[in-house]
């Protein structure tokens, strides 16, 4: 390791920001938002196809949305912000350190399971973001 990294080794957060600079998070957010715009129509079609398939199987309770309504709903989503990626990386590290064996949705539970307190994930990122 270089001297610069060794100087940061005492602080996990400083070490994190050394390897994941804020400029990288800004670039990831910018490219993610661009990708979301470029793939909007194909994602809307895929959602509509899933809704139609669900209706044909008889498992869909709600009406099938029009393609235009789905596109508008996707367009209305907030753009991704750089800090959300820092939260995501932090939550992934927390999942690594304290994994739930059942399913990913358990991380948003309201009761404590294991060492991770209840509501930890929801405080930083909504379940359906």
C-alpha atoms as a PDB file:
ATOM      1  CA  UNK A   1       0.000   0.000   0.000  1.00  0.00           C
ATOM      2  CA  UNK A   2       1.070   3.550  -0.662  1.00  0.00           C
ATOM      3  CA  UNK A   3       1.815   5.972   2.147  1.00  0.00           C
ATOM      4  CA  UNK A   4      -1.313   7.941   1.236  1.00  0.00           C
ATOM      5  CA  UNK A   5      -3.557   4.894   1.738  1.00  0.00           C
ATOM      6  CA  UNK A   6      -1.783   3.903   4.947  1.00  0.00           C
ATOM      7  CA  UNK A   7      -2.469   7.372   6.365  1.00  0.00           C
ATOM      8  CA  UNK A   8      -6.181   6.857   5.693  1.00  0.00           C
ATOM      9  CA  UNK A   9      -6.292   3.293   7.037  1.00  0.00           C
ATOM     10  CA  UNK A  10      -7.279   4.408  10.545  1.00  0.00           C
ATOM     11  CA  UNK A  11     -10.553   5.909   9.332  1.00  0.00           C
ATOM     12  CA  UNK A  12     -12.902   3.579   7.396  1.00  0.00           C
ATOM     13  CA  UNK A  13     -14.889   6.531   6.059  1.00  0.00           C
ATOM     14  CA  UNK A  14     -11.791   8.338   4.754  1.00  0.00           C
ATOM     15  CA  UNK A  15     -10.627   5.100   3.163  1.00  0.00           C
ATOM     16  CA  UNK A  16     -14.045   4.672   1.553  1.00  0.00           C
ATOM     17  CA  UNK A  17     -13.962   8.197   0.068  1.00  0.00           C
ATOM     18  CA  UNK A  18     -10.424   7.559  -1.198  1.00  0.00           C
ATOM     19  CA  UNK A  19     -11.559   4.577  -3.272  1.00  0.00           C
ATOM     20  CA  UNK A  20     -15.024   5.944  -4.119  1.00  0.00           C
ATOM     21  CA  UNK A  21     -14.531   9.667  -4.749  1.00  0.00           C
ATOM     22  CA  UNK A  22     -17.597  11.888  -4.886  1.00  0.00           C
ATOM     23  CA  UNK A  23     -16.858  12.687  -8.529  1.00  0.00           C
ATOM     24  CA  UNK A  24     -17.357   8.990  -9.301  1.00  0.00           C
ATOM     25  CA  UNK A  25     -20.769   9.022  -7.602  1.00  0.00           C
ATOM     26  CA  UNK A  26     -21.763  12.111  -9.610  1.00  0.00           C
ATOM     27  CA  UNK A  27     -20.703  10.405 -12.835  1.00  0.00           C
ATOM     28  CA  UNK A  28     -22.616   7.208 -11.943  1.00  0.00           C
ATOM     29  CA  UNK A  29     -25.773   9.220 -11.172  1.00  0.00           C
ATOM     30  CA  UNK A  30     -25.482  11.196 -14.415  1.00  0.00           C
ATOM     31  CA  UNK A  31     -25.028   8.057 -16.528  1.00  0.00           C
ATOM     32  CA  UNK A  32     -27.813   6.212 -14.674  1.00  0.00           C
ATOM     33  CA  UNK A  33     -30.251   9.032 -15.376  1.00  0.00           C
ATOM     34  CA  UNK A  34     -29.194   9.151 -19.028  1.00  0.00           C
ATOM     35  CA  UNK A  35     -29.668   5.372 -19.313  1.00  0.00           C
ATOM     36  CA  UNK A  36     -33.108   5.650 -17.676  1.00  0.00           C
ATOM     37  CA  UNK A  37     -34.157   8.204 -20.312  1.00  0.00           C
ATOM     38  CA  UNK A  38     -32.755   6.136 -23.182  1.00  0.00           C
ATOM     39  CA  UNK A  39     -34.500   2.929 -22.095  1.00  0.00           C
ATOM     40  CA  UNK A  40     -37.810   4.456 -21.007  1.00  0.00           C
ATOM     41  CA  UNK A  41     -39.869   3.087 -23.900  1.00  0.00           C
ATOM     42  CA  UNK A  42     -38.462  -0.453 -23.705  1.00  0.00           C
ATOM     43  CA  UNK A  43     -38.988  -0.540 -19.918  1.00  0.00           C
ATOM     44  CA  UNK A  44     -42.574   0.701 -20.359  1.00  0.00           C
ATOM     45  CA  UNK A  45     -43.262  -2.016 -22.948  1.00  0.00           C
ATOM     46  CA  UNK A  46     -41.785  -4.673 -20.652  1.00  0.00           C
ATOM     47  CA  UNK A  47     -43.975  -3.507 -17.745  1.00  0.00           C
ATOM     48  CA  UNK A  48     -47.073  -3.549 -19.957  1.00  0.00           C
ATOM     49  CA  UNK A  49     -46.223  -7.038 -21.254  1.00  0.00           C
ATOM     50  CA  UNK A  50     -45.932  -8.291 -17.668  1.00  0.00           C
ATOM     51  CA  UNK A  51     -49.265  -6.694 -16.770  1.00  0.00           C
ATOM     52  CA  UNK A  52     -50.954  -8.290 -19.795  1.00  0.00           C
ATOM     53  CA  UNK A  53     -49.444 -11.693 -18.996  1.00  0.00           C
ATOM     54  CA  UNK A  54     -50.657 -11.358 -15.420  1.00  0.00           C
ATOM     55  CA  UNK A  55     -54.146 -10.467 -16.654  1.00  0.00           C
ATOM     56  CA  UNK A  56     -54.227 -13.478 -19.000  1.00  0.00           C
ATOM     57  CA  UNK A  57     -53.212 -15.769 -16.121  1.00  0.00           C
ATOM     58  CA  UNK A  58     -55.989 -14.258 -14.029  1.00  0.00           C
ATOM     59  CA  UNK A  59     -53.647 -13.096 -11.274  1.00  0.00           C
ATOM     60  CA  UNK A  60     -53.937  -9.357 -11.945  1.00  0.00           C
ATOM     61  CA  UNK A  61     -56.393  -7.476  -9.745  1.00  0.00           C
ATOM     62  CA  UNK A  62     -55.837  -3.955 -11.120  1.00  0.00           C
ATOM     63  CA  UNK A  63     -56.581  -2.773 -14.639  1.00  0.00           C
ATOM     64  CA  UNK A  64     -53.771  -2.966 -17.172  1.00  0.00           C
ATOM     65  CA  UNK A  65     -52.219   0.482 -17.597  1.00  0.00           C
ATOM     66  CA  UNK A  66     -51.937   2.052 -21.014  1.00  0.00           C
ATOM     67  CA  UNK A  67     -48.450   2.333 -22.457  1.00  0.00           C
ATOM     68  CA  UNK A  68     -48.750   6.121 -22.264  1.00  0.00           C
ATOM     69  CA  UNK A  69     -49.648   5.993 -18.541  1.00  0.00           C
ATOM     70  CA  UNK A  70     -46.686   3.728 -17.815  1.00  0.00           C
ATOM     71  CA  UNK A  71     -44.336   6.053 -19.714  1.00  0.00           C
ATOM     72  CA  UNK A  72     -45.655   9.047 -17.770  1.00  0.00           C
ATOM     73  CA  UNK A  73     -45.224   7.198 -14.473  1.00  0.00           C
ATOM     74  CA  UNK A  74     -41.632   6.310 -15.364  1.00  0.00           C
ATOM     75  CA  UNK A  75     -40.920   9.896 -16.501  1.00  0.00           C
ATOM     76  CA  UNK A  76     -42.273  11.217 -13.188  1.00  0.00           C
ATOM     77  CA  UNK A  77     -39.711   9.253 -11.169  1.00  0.00           C
ATOM     78  CA  UNK A  78     -37.139  11.410  -9.421  1.00  0.00           C
ATOM     79  CA  UNK A  79     -33.688  11.305 -11.017  1.00  0.00           C
ATOM     80  CA  UNK A  80     -31.039   9.389  -9.104  1.00  0.00           C
ATOM     81  CA  UNK A  81     -28.834  11.506  -6.854  1.00  0.00           C
ATOM     82  CA  UNK A  82     -25.144  10.828  -6.111  1.00  0.00           C
ATOM     83  CA  UNK A  83     -25.737  10.420  -2.369  1.00  0.00           C
ATOM     84  CA  UNK A  84     -28.152   7.537  -3.080  1.00  0.00           C
ATOM     85  CA  UNK A  85     -25.261   5.530  -4.498  1.00  0.00           C
ATOM     86  CA  UNK A  86     -23.198   6.164  -1.351  1.00  0.00           C
ATOM     87  CA  UNK A  87     -26.188   4.919   0.678  1.00  0.00           C
ATOM     88  CA  UNK A  88     -26.512   1.895  -1.589  1.00  0.00           C
ATOM     89  CA  UNK A  89     -22.862   0.947  -1.151  1.00  0.00           C
ATOM     90  CA  UNK A  90     -23.177   1.402   2.619  1.00  0.00           C
ATOM     91  CA  UNK A  91     -26.295  -0.767   2.734  1.00  0.00           C
ATOM     92  CA  UNK A  92     -24.565  -3.454   0.667  1.00  0.00           C
ATOM     93  CA  UNK A  93     -21.667  -3.454   3.142  1.00  0.00           C
ATOM     94  CA  UNK A  94     -24.189  -3.725   6.012  1.00  0.00           C
ATOM     95  CA  UNK A  95     -25.834  -6.663   4.238  1.00  0.00           C
ATOM     96  CA  UNK A  96     -22.444  -8.302   3.846  1.00  0.00           C
ATOM     97  CA  UNK A  97     -21.632  -7.862   7.532  1.00  0.00           C
ATOM     98  CA  UNK A  98     -25.078  -8.894   8.762  1.00  0.00           C
ATOM     99  CA  UNK A  99     -26.796 -10.995   6.098  1.00  0.00           C
ATOM    100  CA  UNK A 100     -30.432 -12.042   6.336  1.00  0.00           C
ATOM    101  CA  UNK A 101     -30.694 -15.567   5.023  1.00  0.00           C
ATOM    102  CA  UNK A 102     -34.390 -15.372   4.167  1.00  0.00           C
ATOM    103  CA  UNK A 103     -34.777 -12.693   1.507  1.00  0.00           C
ATOM    104  CA  UNK A 104     -33.675  -9.200   0.586  1.00  0.00           C
ATOM    105  CA  UNK A 105     -36.991  -7.661   1.686  1.00  0.00           C
ATOM    106  CA  UNK A 106     -36.198  -8.717   5.280  1.00  0.00           C
ATOM    107  CA  UNK A 107     -33.830  -5.762   5.502  1.00  0.00           C
ATOM    108  CA  UNK A 108     -36.828  -3.419   5.476  1.00  0.00           C
ATOM    109  CA  UNK A 109     -38.578  -5.336   8.269  1.00  0.00           C
ATOM    110  CA  UNK A 110     -40.040  -3.645  11.322  1.00  0.00           C
ATOM    111  CA  UNK A 111     -38.653  -6.160  13.827  1.00  0.00           C
ATOM    112  CA  UNK A 112     -34.993  -6.715  14.612  1.00  0.00           C
ATOM    113  CA  UNK A 113     -33.450  -9.839  13.153  1.00  0.00           C
ATOM    114  CA  UNK A 114     -29.805 -10.497  13.928  1.00  0.00           C
ATOM    115  CA  UNK A 115     -27.431  -7.646  14.672  1.00  0.00           C
ATOM    116  CA  UNK A 116     -28.971  -5.126  12.269  1.00  0.00           C
ATOM    117  CA  UNK A 117     -31.682  -3.045  14.024  1.00  0.00           C
ATOM    118  CA  UNK A 118     -35.161  -2.872  12.531  1.00  0.00           C
ATOM    119  CA  UNK A 119     -35.752  -0.011  10.120  1.00  0.00           C
ATOM    120  CA  UNK A 120     -32.070   0.541   9.335  1.00  0.00           C
ATOM    121  CA  UNK A 121     -32.433   0.153   5.581  1.00  0.00           C
ATOM    122  CA  UNK A 122     -35.688   2.100   5.360  1.00  0.00           C
ATOM    123  CA  UNK A 123     -34.059   5.084   7.067  1.00  0.00           C
ATOM    124  CA  UNK A 124     -31.655   5.414   4.132  1.00  0.00           C
ATOM    125  CA  UNK A 125     -33.495   4.072   1.109  1.00  0.00           C
ATOM    126  CA  UNK A 126     -37.169   3.301   0.496  1.00  0.00           C
ATOM    127  CA  UNK A 127     -37.862  -0.311  -0.418  1.00  0.00           C
ATOM    128  CA  UNK A 128     -39.128   0.429  -3.936  1.00  0.00           C
ATOM    129  CA  UNK A 129     -36.552   3.037  -4.945  1.00  0.00           C
END
